[in-house]
PDB file of N, CA and C in Angstrom:
ATOM      1  N   MET A   1     102.922 111.463 120.025  1.00  0.00           N
ATOM      2  CA  MET A   1     103.877 111.079 119.002  1.00  0.00           C
ATOM      3  C   MET A   1     105.268 110.526 119.614  1.00  0.00           C
ATOM      4  N   HIS A   2     105.773 111.122 120.381  1.00  0.00           N
ATOM      5  CA  HIS A   2     107.200 110.902 121.135  1.00  0.00           C
ATOM      6  C   HIS A   2     107.215 109.597 121.723  1.00  0.00           C
ATOM      7  N   ALA A   3     106.165 109.045 122.686  1.00  0.00           N
ATOM      8  CA  ALA A   3     105.617 108.213 122.794  1.00  0.00           C
ATOM      9  C   ALA A   3     105.705 106.460 122.082  1.00  0.00           C
ATOM     10  N   LEU A   4     105.239 106.663 120.447  1.00  0.00           N
ATOM     11  CA  LEU A   4     104.667 105.796 119.778  1.00  0.00           C
ATOM     12  C   LEU A   4     106.079 105.377 118.664  1.00  0.00           C
ATOM     13  N   LEU A   5     107.031 106.672 118.679  1.00  0.00           N
ATOM     14  CA  LEU A   5     107.965 106.537 117.993  1.00  0.00           C
ATOM     15  C   LEU A   5     108.956 105.505 119.076  1.00  0.00           C
ATOM     16  N   GLN A   6     109.088 105.900 120.115  1.00  0.00           N
ATOM     17  CA  GLN A   6     110.290 105.267 121.446  1.00  0.00           C
ATOM     18  C   GLN A   6     109.348 103.586 121.129  1.00  0.00           C
ATOM     19  N   GLN A   7     108.008 103.240 121.415  1.00  0.00           N
ATOM     20  CA  GLN A   7     107.871 102.226 121.027  1.00  0.00           C
ATOM     21  C   GLN A   7     108.038 101.470 119.842  1.00  0.00           C
ATOM     22  N   ILE A   8     108.150 102.247 118.823  1.00  0.00           N
ATOM     23  CA  ILE A   8     108.621 101.587 117.447  1.00  0.00           C
ATOM     24  C   ILE A   8     109.818 101.155 117.350  1.00  0.00           C
ATOM     25  N   ALA A   9     110.648 101.991 118.037  1.00  0.00           N
ATOM     26  CA  ALA A   9     112.076 101.401 118.304  1.00  0.00           C
ATOM     27  C   ALA A   9     112.279 100.461 119.101  1.00  0.00           C
ATOM     28  N   ILE A  10     111.485 100.150 120.407  1.00  0.00           N
ATOM     29  CA  ILE A  10     111.579  98.997 120.943  1.00  0.00           C
ATOM     30  C   ILE A  10     111.421  97.768 120.324  1.00  0.00           C
ATOM     31  N   ALA A  11     110.280  98.034 119.515  1.00  0.00           N
ATOM     32  CA  ALA A  11     109.691  97.252 118.860  1.00  0.00           C
ATOM     33  C   ALA A  11     110.931  96.512 118.165  1.00  0.00           C
ATOM     34  N   VAL A  12     111.227  97.283 116.940  1.00  0.00           N
ATOM     35  CA  VAL A  12     112.643  96.850 116.042  1.00  0.00           C
ATOM     36  C   VAL A  12     113.610  96.452 116.974  1.00  0.00           C
ATOM     37  N   ASN A  13     113.966  96.847 117.921  1.00  0.00           N
ATOM     38  CA  ASN A  13     114.970  96.404 118.764  1.00  0.00           C
ATOM     39  C   ASN A  13     114.838  95.193 119.405  1.00  0.00           C
ATOM     40  N   SER A  14     113.639  94.424 119.176  1.00  0.00           N
ATOM     41  CA  SER A  14     113.157  93.450 120.233  1.00  0.00           C
ATOM     42  C   SER A  14     112.730  92.588 118.849  1.00  0.00           C
ATOM     43  N   GLY A  15     112.924  92.560 118.083  1.00  0.00           N
ATOM     44  CA  GLY A  15     112.643  91.746 116.803  1.00  0.00           C
ATOM     45  C   GLY A  15     111.101  91.563 116.605  1.00  0.00           C
ATOM     46  N   LEU A  16     110.240  92.564 116.659  1.00  0.00           N
ATOM     47  CA  LEU A  16     109.016  92.354 116.827  1.00  0.00           C
ATOM     48  C   LEU A  16     108.319  93.566 115.140  1.00  0.00           C
ATOM     49  N   TYR A  17     109.071  92.949 114.244  1.00  0.00           N
ATOM     50  CA  TYR A  17     109.125  93.886 113.287  1.00  0.00           C
ATOM     51  C   TYR A  17     107.388  94.182 112.818  1.00  0.00           C
ATOM     52  N   PHE A  18     106.519  93.206 112.702  1.00  0.00           N
ATOM     53  CA  PHE A  18     105.193  93.528 112.230  1.00  0.00           C
ATOM     54  C   PHE A  18     104.759  94.706 113.230  1.00  0.00           C
ATOM     55  N   LEU A  19     104.920  94.574 114.680  1.00  0.00           N
ATOM     56  CA  LEU A  19     104.375  95.603 115.393  1.00  0.00           C
ATOM     57  C   LEU A  19     105.089  96.948 114.814  1.00  0.00           C
ATOM     58  N   ALA A  20     106.102  96.774 114.681  1.00  0.00           N
ATOM     59  CA  ALA A  20     107.007  98.162 114.186  1.00  0.00           C
ATOM     60  C   ALA A  20     106.519  98.759 112.693  1.00  0.00           C
ATOM     61  N   LEU A  21     106.648  97.933 112.247  1.00  0.00           N
ATOM     62  CA  LEU A  21     105.789  98.291 110.896  1.00  0.00           C
ATOM     63  C   LEU A  21     104.335  98.743 111.017  1.00  0.00           C
ATOM     64  N   ALA A  22     103.258  98.077 111.789  1.00  0.00           N
ATOM     65  CA  ALA A  22     102.411  98.741 112.083  1.00  0.00           C
ATOM     66  C   ALA A  22     102.073 100.070 112.394  1.00  0.00           C
ATOM     67  N   GLY A  23     102.930 100.423 113.484  1.00  0.00           N
ATOM     68  CA  GLY A  23     102.993 101.762 114.337  1.00  0.00           C
ATOM     69  C   GLY A  23     103.349 102.553 113.185  1.00  0.00           C
ATOM     70  N   THR A  24     104.791 102.324 112.159  1.00  0.00           N
ATOM     71  CA  THR A  24     105.063 103.350 111.611  1.00  0.00           C
ATOM     72  C   THR A  24     104.136 103.651 110.248  1.00  0.00           C
ATOM     73  N   LEU A  25     103.426 102.543 110.201  1.00  0.00           N
ATOM     74  CA  LEU A  25     102.413 102.885 108.932  1.00  0.00           C
ATOM     75  C   LEU A  25     101.270 104.139 109.524  1.00  0.00           C
ATOM     76  N   THR A  26     101.226 103.874 110.746  1.00  0.00           N
ATOM     77  CA  THR A  26     100.186 104.631 111.029  1.00  0.00           C
ATOM     78  C   THR A  26     100.286 106.360 111.249  1.00  0.00           C
ATOM     79  N   ILE A  27     101.717 106.851 110.811  1.00  0.00           N
ATOM     80  CA  ILE A  27     102.785 108.181 111.472  1.00  0.00           C
ATOM     81  C   ILE A  27     101.874 108.943 110.495  1.00  0.00           C
ATOM     82  N   PRO A  28     101.758 108.649 109.069  1.00  0.00           N
ATOM     83  CA  PRO A  28     101.371 109.477 108.428  1.00  0.00           C
ATOM     84  C   PRO A  28      99.759 109.575 108.470  1.00  0.00           C
ATOM     85  N   ASP A  29      99.200 108.865 108.817  1.00  0.00           N
ATOM     86  CA  ASP A  29      97.420 109.059 109.368  1.00  0.00           C
ATOM     87  C   ASP A  29      97.325 110.490 110.235  1.00  0.00           C
ATOM     88  N   MET A  30      98.097 109.743 111.430  1.00  0.00           N
ATOM     89  CA  MET A  30      98.423 111.166 112.673  1.00  0.00           C
ATOM     90  C   MET A  30      98.812 112.278 111.984  1.00  0.00           C
ATOM     91  N   CYS A  31      99.750 112.261 111.349  1.00  0.00           N
ATOM     92  CA  CYS A  31     100.037 113.794 110.641  1.00  0.00           C
ATOM     93  C   CYS A  31      99.222 114.641 109.659  1.00  0.00           C
ATOM     94  N   ALA A  32      98.912 113.849 108.777  1.00  0.00           N
ATOM     95  CA  ALA A  32      97.666 114.354 107.989  1.00  0.00           C
ATOM     96  C   ALA A  32      96.704 114.950 108.668  1.00  0.00           C
ATOM     97  N   GLY A  33      96.306 114.199 109.933  1.00  0.00           N
ATOM     98  CA  GLY A  33      94.859 114.573 110.666  1.00  0.00           C
ATOM     99  C   GLY A  33      95.226 115.763 111.632  1.00  0.00           C
ATOM    100  N   LEU A  34      96.731 115.811 111.996  1.00  0.00           N
ATOM    101  CA  LEU A  34      97.214 117.218 112.992  1.00  0.00           C
ATOM    102  C   LEU A  34      97.073 117.990 111.978  1.00  0.00           C
ATOM    103  N   GLU A  35      97.030 118.479 110.501  1.00  0.00           N
ATOM    104  CA  GLU A  35      97.399 119.154 109.668  1.00  0.00           C
ATOM    105  C   GLU A  35      95.713 119.930 109.591  1.00  0.00           C
ATOM    106  N   ARG A  36      94.706 118.748 110.018  1.00  0.00           N
ATOM    107  CA  ARG A  36      93.186 119.495 109.533  1.00  0.00           C
ATOM    108  C   ARG A  36      92.500 119.958 111.102  1.00  0.00           C
ATOM    109  N   PRO A  37      91.757 121.245 110.825  1.00  0.00           N
ATOM    110  CA  PRO A  37      91.125 121.717 111.893  1.00  0.00           C
ATOM    111  C   PRO A  37      90.320 120.468 112.928  1.00  0.00           C
ATOM    112  N   ASN A  38      89.824 119.841 112.332  1.00  0.00           N
ATOM    113  CA  ASN A  38      88.731 118.575 112.750  1.00  0.00           C
ATOM    114  C   ASN A  38      89.631 117.346 113.193  1.00  0.00           C
ATOM    115  N   GLY A  39      90.466 117.229 112.428  1.00  0.00           N
ATOM    116  CA  GLY A  39      91.771 116.193 113.003  1.00  0.00           C
ATOM    117  C   GLY A  39      91.541 115.063 112.318  1.00  0.00           C
ATOM    118  N   LEU A  40      90.602 114.969 111.352  1.00  0.00           N
ATOM    119  CA  LEU A  40      90.260 113.728 110.579  1.00  0.00           C
ATOM    120  C   LEU A  40      91.083 113.631 109.306  1.00  0.00           C
ATOM    121  N   THR A  41      91.136 112.760 108.599  1.00  0.00           N
ATOM    122  CA  THR A  41      92.037 112.050 107.534  1.00  0.00           C
ATOM    123  C   THR A  41      91.201 111.216 106.671  1.00  0.00           C
ATOM    124  N   ASN A  42      91.742 110.752 105.627  1.00  0.00           N
ATOM    125  CA  ASN A  42      91.339 109.766 104.813  1.00  0.00           C
ATOM    126  C   ASN A  42      92.910 109.459 103.911  1.00  0.00           C
ATOM    127  N   GLY A  43      92.153 108.594 103.015  1.00  0.00           N
ATOM    128  CA  GLY A  43      93.187 107.906 101.950  1.00  0.00           C
ATOM    129  C   GLY A  43      93.973 109.079 101.377  1.00  0.00           C
ATOM    130  N   PRO A  44      93.152 109.888 100.329  1.00  0.00           N
ATOM    131  CA  PRO A  44      93.894 111.052  99.446  1.00  0.00           C
ATOM    132  C   PRO A  44      94.558 112.036 100.524  1.00  0.00           C
ATOM    133  N   ARG A  45      94.721 111.959 101.800  1.00  0.00           N
ATOM    134  CA  ARG A  45      95.336 112.895 102.612  1.00  0.00           C
ATOM    135  C   ARG A  45      96.242 112.274 103.252  1.00  0.00           C
ATOM    136  N   TYR A  46      96.301 110.983 103.513  1.00  0.00           N
ATOM    137  CA  TYR A  46      97.188 110.082 103.750  1.00  0.00           C
ATOM    138  C   TYR A  46      98.389 110.038 102.834  1.00  0.00           C
ATOM    139  N   ARG A  47      98.264 109.962 101.293  1.00  0.00           N
ATOM    140  CA  ARG A  47      98.723 109.710 100.260  1.00  0.00           C
ATOM    141  C   ARG A  47      99.448 111.178  99.861  1.00  0.00           C
ATOM    142  N   ALA A  48      98.757 112.280 100.501  1.00  0.00           N
ATOM    143  CA  ALA A  48      99.272 113.849 100.222  1.00  0.00           C
ATOM    144  C   ALA A  48     100.549 113.970 101.066  1.00  0.00           C
ATOM    145  N   TRP A  49      99.915 113.423 102.375  1.00  0.00           N
ATOM    146  CA  TRP A  49     100.965 113.914 103.316  1.00  0.00           C
ATOM    147  C   TRP A  49     102.217 112.989 103.001  1.00  0.00           C
ATOM    148  N   PHE A  50     102.071 111.858 102.936  1.00  0.00           N
ATOM    149  CA  PHE A  50     103.439 111.377 102.262  1.00  0.00           C
ATOM    150  C   PHE A  50     104.122 111.672 101.206  1.00  0.00           C
ATOM    151  N   ASP A  51     103.677 112.080 100.019  1.00  0.00           N
ATOM    152  CA  ASP A  51     104.296 112.382  99.210  1.00  0.00           C
ATOM    153  C   ASP A  51     105.016 114.074  99.337  1.00  0.00           C
ATOM    154  N   LYS A  52     104.380 114.831 100.208  1.00  0.00           N
ATOM    155  CA  LYS A  52     105.039 115.673 100.548  1.00  0.00           C
ATOM    156  C   LYS A  52     106.099 115.846 101.606  1.00  0.00           C
ATOM    157  N   TRP A  53     105.875 114.679 102.583  1.00  0.00           N
ATOM    158  CA  TRP A  53     106.794 114.896 103.584  1.00  0.00           C
ATOM    159  C   TRP A  53     108.344 113.844 103.433  1.00  0.00           C
ATOM    160  N   VAL A  54     107.892 112.441 102.934  1.00  0.00           N
ATOM    161  CA  VAL A  54     108.385 111.220 103.086  1.00  0.00           C
ATOM    162  C   VAL A  54     108.977 110.650 101.738  1.00  0.00           C
ATOM    163  N   ALA A  55     108.340 110.729 101.079  1.00  0.00           N
ATOM    164  CA  ALA A  55     108.771 110.551  99.437  1.00  0.00           C
ATOM    165  C   ALA A  55     109.891 111.155  99.186  1.00  0.00           C
ATOM    166  N   PRO A  56     110.029 112.554  98.987  1.00  0.00           N
ATOM    167  CA  PRO A  56     111.070 112.871  98.349  1.00  0.00           C
ATOM    168  C   PRO A  56     112.792 112.561  99.272  1.00  0.00           C
ATOM    169  N   LYS A  57     112.383 112.223 100.658  1.00  0.00           N
ATOM    170  CA  LYS A  57     113.691 112.143 101.623  1.00  0.00           C
ATOM    171  C   LYS A  57     114.294 110.327 100.627  1.00  0.00           C
ATOM    172  N   TYR A  58     113.338 109.663 100.231  1.00  0.00           N
ATOM    173  CA  TYR A  58     113.950 108.047  99.953  1.00  0.00           C
ATOM    174  C   TYR A  58     113.509 108.342  98.187  1.00  0.00           C
ATOM    175  N   GLN A  59     113.923 109.711  97.549  1.00  0.00           N
ATOM    176  CA  GLN A  59     113.826 109.546  96.112  1.00  0.00           C
ATOM    177  C   GLN A  59     112.785 109.200  95.349  1.00  0.00           C
ATOM    178  N   GLY A  60     111.589 108.734  95.996  1.00  0.00           N
ATOM    179  CA  GLY A  60     110.844 108.581  95.152  1.00  0.00           C
ATOM    180  C   GLY A  60     110.648 107.072  94.896  1.00  0.00           C
ATOM    181  N   SER A  61     111.394 106.457  96.195  1.00  0.00           N
ATOM    182  CA  SER A  61     111.297 105.077  95.772  1.00  0.00           C
ATOM    183  C   SER A  61     109.807 104.233  96.346  1.00  0.00           C
ATOM    184  N   MET A  62     108.989 105.079  96.831  1.00  0.00           N
ATOM    185  CA  MET A  62     108.296 104.723  97.430  1.00  0.00           C
ATOM    186  C   MET A  62     107.068 105.981  97.678  1.00  0.00           C
ATOM    187  N   SER A  63     106.031 105.762  96.698  1.00  0.00           N
ATOM    188  CA  SER A  63     104.914 106.879  96.771  1.00  0.00           C
ATOM    189  C   SER A  63     104.016 106.822  97.892  1.00  0.00           C
ATOM    190  N   GLY A  64     103.112 108.279  98.058  1.00  0.00           N
ATOM    191  CA  GLY A  64     101.941 107.682  99.091  1.00  0.00           C
ATOM    192  C   GLY A  64     101.250 106.625  98.595  1.00  0.00           C
ATOM    193  N   GLY A  65     100.643 106.578  97.653  1.00  0.00           N
ATOM    194  CA  GLY A  65      99.643 105.558  97.045  1.00  0.00           C
ATOM    195  C   GLY A  65     100.384 104.056  97.420  1.00  0.00           C
ATOM    196  N   ASP A  66     101.329 103.917  97.323  1.00  0.00           N
ATOM    197  CA  ASP A  66     102.289 102.633  97.934  1.00  0.00           C
ATOM    198  C   ASP A  66     102.420 102.506  99.179  1.00  0.00           C
ATOM    199  N   CYS A  67     102.796 103.151  99.679  1.00  0.00           N
ATOM    200  CA  CYS A  67     102.285 103.369 101.331  1.00  0.00           C
ATOM    201  C   CYS A  67     101.386 103.040 102.030  1.00  0.00           C
ATOM    202  N   TYR A  68     100.047 103.773 101.137  1.00  0.00           N
ATOM    203  CA  TYR A  68      98.810 103.563 101.700  1.00  0.00           C
ATOM    204  C   TYR A  68      98.502 102.186 101.420  1.00  0.00           C
ATOM    205  N   GLY A  69      98.655 101.758 100.441  1.00  0.00           N
ATOM    206  CA  GLY A  69      98.386 100.286 100.168  1.00  0.00           C
ATOM    207  C   GLY A  69      98.576  99.396 101.056  1.00  0.00           C
ATOM    208  N   LEU A  70     100.138  99.332 101.456  1.00  0.00           N
ATOM    209  CA  LEU A  70     100.819  98.597 102.577  1.00  0.00           C
ATOM    210  C   LEU A  70     100.165  98.832 103.796  1.00  0.00           C
ATOM    211  N   ARG A  71      99.475  99.992 103.948  1.00  0.00           N
ATOM    212  CA  ARG A  71      99.126 100.239 105.417  1.00  0.00           C
ATOM    213  C   ARG A  71      97.897  99.611 105.413  1.00  0.00           C
ATOM    214  N   CYS A  72      96.467  99.833 104.223  1.00  0.00           N
ATOM    215  CA  CYS A  72      95.710  99.107 104.305  1.00  0.00           C
ATOM    216  C   CYS A  72      95.859  97.573 104.480  1.00  0.00           C
ATOM    217  N   SER A  73      96.898  97.011 103.677  1.00  0.00           N
ATOM    218  CA  SER A  73      96.839  95.936 103.530  1.00  0.00           C
ATOM    219  C   SER A  73      97.325  94.976 104.986  1.00  0.00           C
ATOM    220  N   LEU A  74      98.269  95.737 105.748  1.00  0.00           N
ATOM    221  CA  LEU A  74      98.891  95.094 107.112  1.00  0.00           C
ATOM    222  C   LEU A  74      97.891  95.737 108.067  1.00  0.00           C
ATOM    223  N   LEU A  75      97.221  96.626 108.086  1.00  0.00           N
ATOM    224  CA  LEU A  75      96.508  96.876 109.323  1.00  0.00           C
ATOM    225  C   LEU A  75      94.892  96.265 109.148  1.00  0.00           C
ATOM    226  N   HIS A  76      94.697  95.908 107.988  1.00  0.00           N
ATOM    227  CA  HIS A  76      92.889  95.489 107.809  1.00  0.00           C
ATOM    228  C   HIS A  76      92.894  93.993 107.346  1.00  0.00           C
ATOM    229  N   GLN A  77      94.230  93.693 106.949  1.00  0.00           N
ATOM    230  CA  GLN A  77      94.226  92.446 106.388  1.00  0.00           C
ATOM    231  C   GLN A  77      95.197  91.523 106.891  1.00  0.00           C
ATOM    232  N   GLY A  78      96.390  91.991 107.852  1.00  0.00           N
ATOM    233  CA  GLY A  78      97.369  91.195 108.341  1.00  0.00           C
ATOM    234  C   GLY A  78      98.201  90.882 107.262  1.00  0.00           C
ATOM    235  N   GLY A  79      98.395  91.581 106.122  1.00  0.00           N
ATOM    236  CA  GLY A  79      99.643  90.741 105.214  1.00  0.00           C
ATOM    237  C   GLY A  79     100.092  91.977 104.612  1.00  0.00           C
ATOM    238  N   HIS A  80     100.819  91.535 103.898  1.00  0.00           N
ATOM    239  CA  HIS A  80     101.810  92.611 102.956  1.00  0.00           C
ATOM    240  C   HIS A  80     101.505  92.893 101.707  1.00  0.00           C
ATOM    241  N   ILE A  81     100.241  91.978 101.242  1.00  0.00           N
ATOM    242  CA  ILE A  81     100.334  92.493  99.462  1.00  0.00           C
ATOM    243  C   ILE A  81      99.355  93.897  99.536  1.00  0.00           C
ATOM    244  N   HIS A  82      99.962  94.276  98.279  1.00  0.00           N
ATOM    245  CA  HIS A  82      99.410  95.613  98.001  1.00  0.00           C
ATOM    246  C   HIS A  82      97.818  95.721  97.386  1.00  0.00           C
ATOM    247  N   ILE A  83      96.834  95.847  98.100  1.00  0.00           N
ATOM    248  CA  ILE A  83      95.645  95.591  98.143  1.00  0.00           C
ATOM    249  C   ILE A  83      95.043  96.711  97.338  1.00  0.00           C
ATOM    250  N   LYS A  84      94.214  96.473  96.168  1.00  0.00           N
ATOM    251  CA  LYS A  84      93.856  97.410  95.307  1.00  0.00           C
ATOM    252  C   LYS A  84      92.751  98.312  95.839  1.00  0.00           C
ATOM    253  N   ALA A  85      91.922  97.737  96.536  1.00  0.00           N
ATOM    254  CA  ALA A  85      90.703  98.294  97.085  1.00  0.00           C
ATOM    255  C   ALA A  85      90.859  99.469  98.201  1.00  0.00           C
ATOM    256  N   CYS A  86      92.502  99.002  98.782  1.00  0.00           N
ATOM    257  CA  CYS A  86      92.709 100.286  99.472  1.00  0.00           C
ATOM    258  C   CYS A  86      93.152 101.590  99.186  1.00  0.00           C
ATOM    259  N   THR A  87      93.836 101.677  97.479  1.00  0.00           N
ATOM    260  CA  THR A  87      94.421 102.249  97.158  1.00  0.00           C
ATOM    261  C   THR A  87      93.462 103.740  96.099  1.00  0.00           C
ATOM    262  N   SER A  88      92.178 102.762  96.136  1.00  0.00           N
ATOM    263  CA  SER A  88      90.689 103.655  95.360  1.00  0.00           C
ATOM    264  C   SER A  88      89.967 104.538  96.585  1.00  0.00           C
ATOM    265  N   VAL A  89      90.357 104.503  97.868  1.00  0.00           N
ATOM    266  CA  VAL A  89      90.026 104.956  98.975  1.00  0.00           C
ATOM    267  C   VAL A  89      90.135 106.634  98.850  1.00  0.00           C
TER     268      VAL A  89
END
């Protein structure tokens, strides 16, 4: 995790914002997986992890569903539009 966070910082400082955001949006997946004995996660677990650990720090300005939609859109379609299909998984 430390290496990922360092590389995200390097990407931001280098102006590689797409790569930094893509890396950042994978963190809830990894953390939700770490909470499971088998290491597997899914959309509901991603959203729940985000809502528990991240959303309160930002006073609810982004929900787990919002973040998961952005994650799916960016990582699967290469865009930043909220994709409805991703939020239903």
